[in-house]
Amino acid sequence: MPIFSNTVRDTFLIRIPIIDERNHLHLMLKDNESGYRAKIILLKDEGYTVPQIRKITNHQHDLSIRKWIHHCYNEKGIDILCQKSIITNSINLIMI
């Protein structure tokens, strides 16, 4: 069963990465697309709130960050972060 963590101010949960996943996430930081997604997961794991992550990453929408954390990482793991993807304005995730 996955272990989840959250902060007091931000109740959005993240599955705590195991050591191998955390190492893989750090290696992913070298790639522009997957590195951006890995940075979101690592920041959330360090206890940053979604609004704080939005400011740090200069992202425009909290919802997109939440999608990467919950719908992608929490449900499908780090492999999904490496795939080319488009997040639409709706709740759907479209894979190409």
Protein backbone atom coordinates (compact mmCIF):
# COMPACT_ATOMS: atom_id res chain seq x y z
CA MET A 1 0.00 0.00 0.00
CA PRO A 2 1.48 3.39 -0.98
CA ILE A 3 2.36 5.85 1.75
CA PHE A 4 1.02 9.37 1.29
CA SER A 5 2.18 12.62 2.83
CA ASN A 6 0.77 16.10 3.00
CA THR A 7 1.40 19.39 4.70
CA VAL A 8 -0.87 21.22 7.11
CA ARG A 9 -1.60 24.08 4.71
CA ASP A 10 -2.01 21.96 1.60
CA THR A 11 -4.11 18.83 1.93
CA PHE A 12 -3.26 17.57 -1.54
CA LEU A 13 -1.58 14.20 -0.99
CA ILE A 14 1.45 12.76 -2.74
CA ARG A 15 2.63 9.17 -2.72
CA ILE A 16 6.03 9.24 -1.03
CA PRO A 17 8.68 8.19 -3.57
CA ILE A 18 10.87 5.26 -2.61
CA ILE A 19 14.65 5.80 -2.80
CA ASP A 20 14.95 4.36 -6.33
CA GLU A 21 12.11 6.58 -7.57
CA ARG A 22 13.63 9.64 -5.94
CA ASN A 23 16.98 8.90 -7.62
CA HIS A 24 15.22 8.45 -10.97
CA LEU A 25 13.35 11.75 -10.48
CA HIS A 26 16.66 13.54 -9.88
CA LEU A 27 18.10 12.02 -13.08
CA MET A 28 14.99 13.16 -14.98
CA LEU A 29 15.72 16.79 -14.04
CA LYS A 30 18.23 16.92 -16.93
CA ASP A 31 15.42 16.56 -19.52
CA ASN A 32 13.30 19.65 -20.32
CA GLU A 33 9.87 18.01 -20.46
CA SER A 34 10.12 15.14 -17.99
CA GLY A 35 12.46 17.19 -15.80
CA TYR A 36 9.78 19.81 -15.32
CA ARG A 37 7.34 17.14 -14.19
CA ALA A 38 9.96 15.52 -11.95
CA LYS A 39 10.63 18.90 -10.33
CA ILE A 40 6.93 19.23 -9.47
CA ILE A 41 6.95 15.82 -7.77
CA LEU A 42 10.20 16.49 -5.90
CA LEU A 43 9.00 19.90 -4.69
CA LYS A 44 5.74 18.40 -3.44
CA ASP A 45 7.68 15.62 -1.73
CA GLU A 46 9.78 18.28 0.04
CA GLY A 47 6.58 19.74 1.49
CA TYR A 48 5.85 22.65 -0.86
CA THR A 49 2.19 23.45 -1.47
CA VAL A 50 0.72 23.45 -4.97
CA PRO A 51 0.52 27.30 -5.02
CA GLN A 52 4.17 27.48 -3.95
CA ILE A 53 5.15 24.98 -6.67
CA ARG A 54 3.25 27.09 -9.22
CA LYS A 55 5.31 30.14 -8.27
CA ILE A 56 8.63 28.27 -8.17
CA THR A 57 8.06 26.63 -11.56
CA ASN A 58 6.43 29.72 -13.08
CA HIS A 59 3.43 27.59 -14.04
CA GLN A 60 0.10 29.26 -14.72
CA HIS A 61 -2.42 26.79 -13.28
CA ASP A 62 -2.62 24.89 -9.98
CA LEU A 63 -4.95 22.36 -11.62
CA SER A 64 -2.27 21.18 -14.04
CA ILE A 65 0.18 20.67 -11.17
CA ARG A 66 -2.43 18.72 -9.24
CA LYS A 67 -3.07 16.55 -12.31
CA TRP A 68 0.62 15.67 -12.61
CA ILE A 69 0.79 14.79 -8.92
CA HIS A 70 -2.45 12.88 -8.54
CA HIS A 71 -3.56 11.53 -11.91
CA CYS A 72 -0.09 10.80 -13.20
CA TYR A 73 2.43 10.20 -10.42
CA ASN A 74 0.19 8.90 -7.61
CA GLU A 75 -1.85 6.61 -9.87
CA LYS A 76 0.67 5.54 -12.52
CA GLY A 77 4.14 6.13 -11.08
CA ILE A 78 7.19 7.90 -12.49
CA ASP A 79 7.15 6.13 -15.86
CA ILE A 80 4.17 8.22 -16.96
CA LEU A 81 6.20 11.40 -16.31
CA CYS A 82 8.67 10.36 -19.03
CA GLN A 83 6.04 10.00 -21.75
CA LYS A 84 5.18 12.79 -24.17
CA SER A 85 1.84 14.11 -23.01
CA ILE A 86 -0.57 16.94 -23.45
CA ILE A 87 -2.78 18.07 -20.59
CA THR A 88 -5.95 19.64 -21.93
CA ASN A 89 -7.99 22.33 -20.21
CA SER A 90 -10.51 19.66 -19.25
CA ILE A 91 -9.86 17.01 -16.63
CA ASN A 92 -8.75 14.51 -19.30
CA LEU A 93 -5.15 13.52 -19.90
CA ILE A 94 -4.44 12.83 -23.56
CA MET A 95 -1.43 10.69 -24.40
CA ILE A 96 0.22 10.95 -27.84
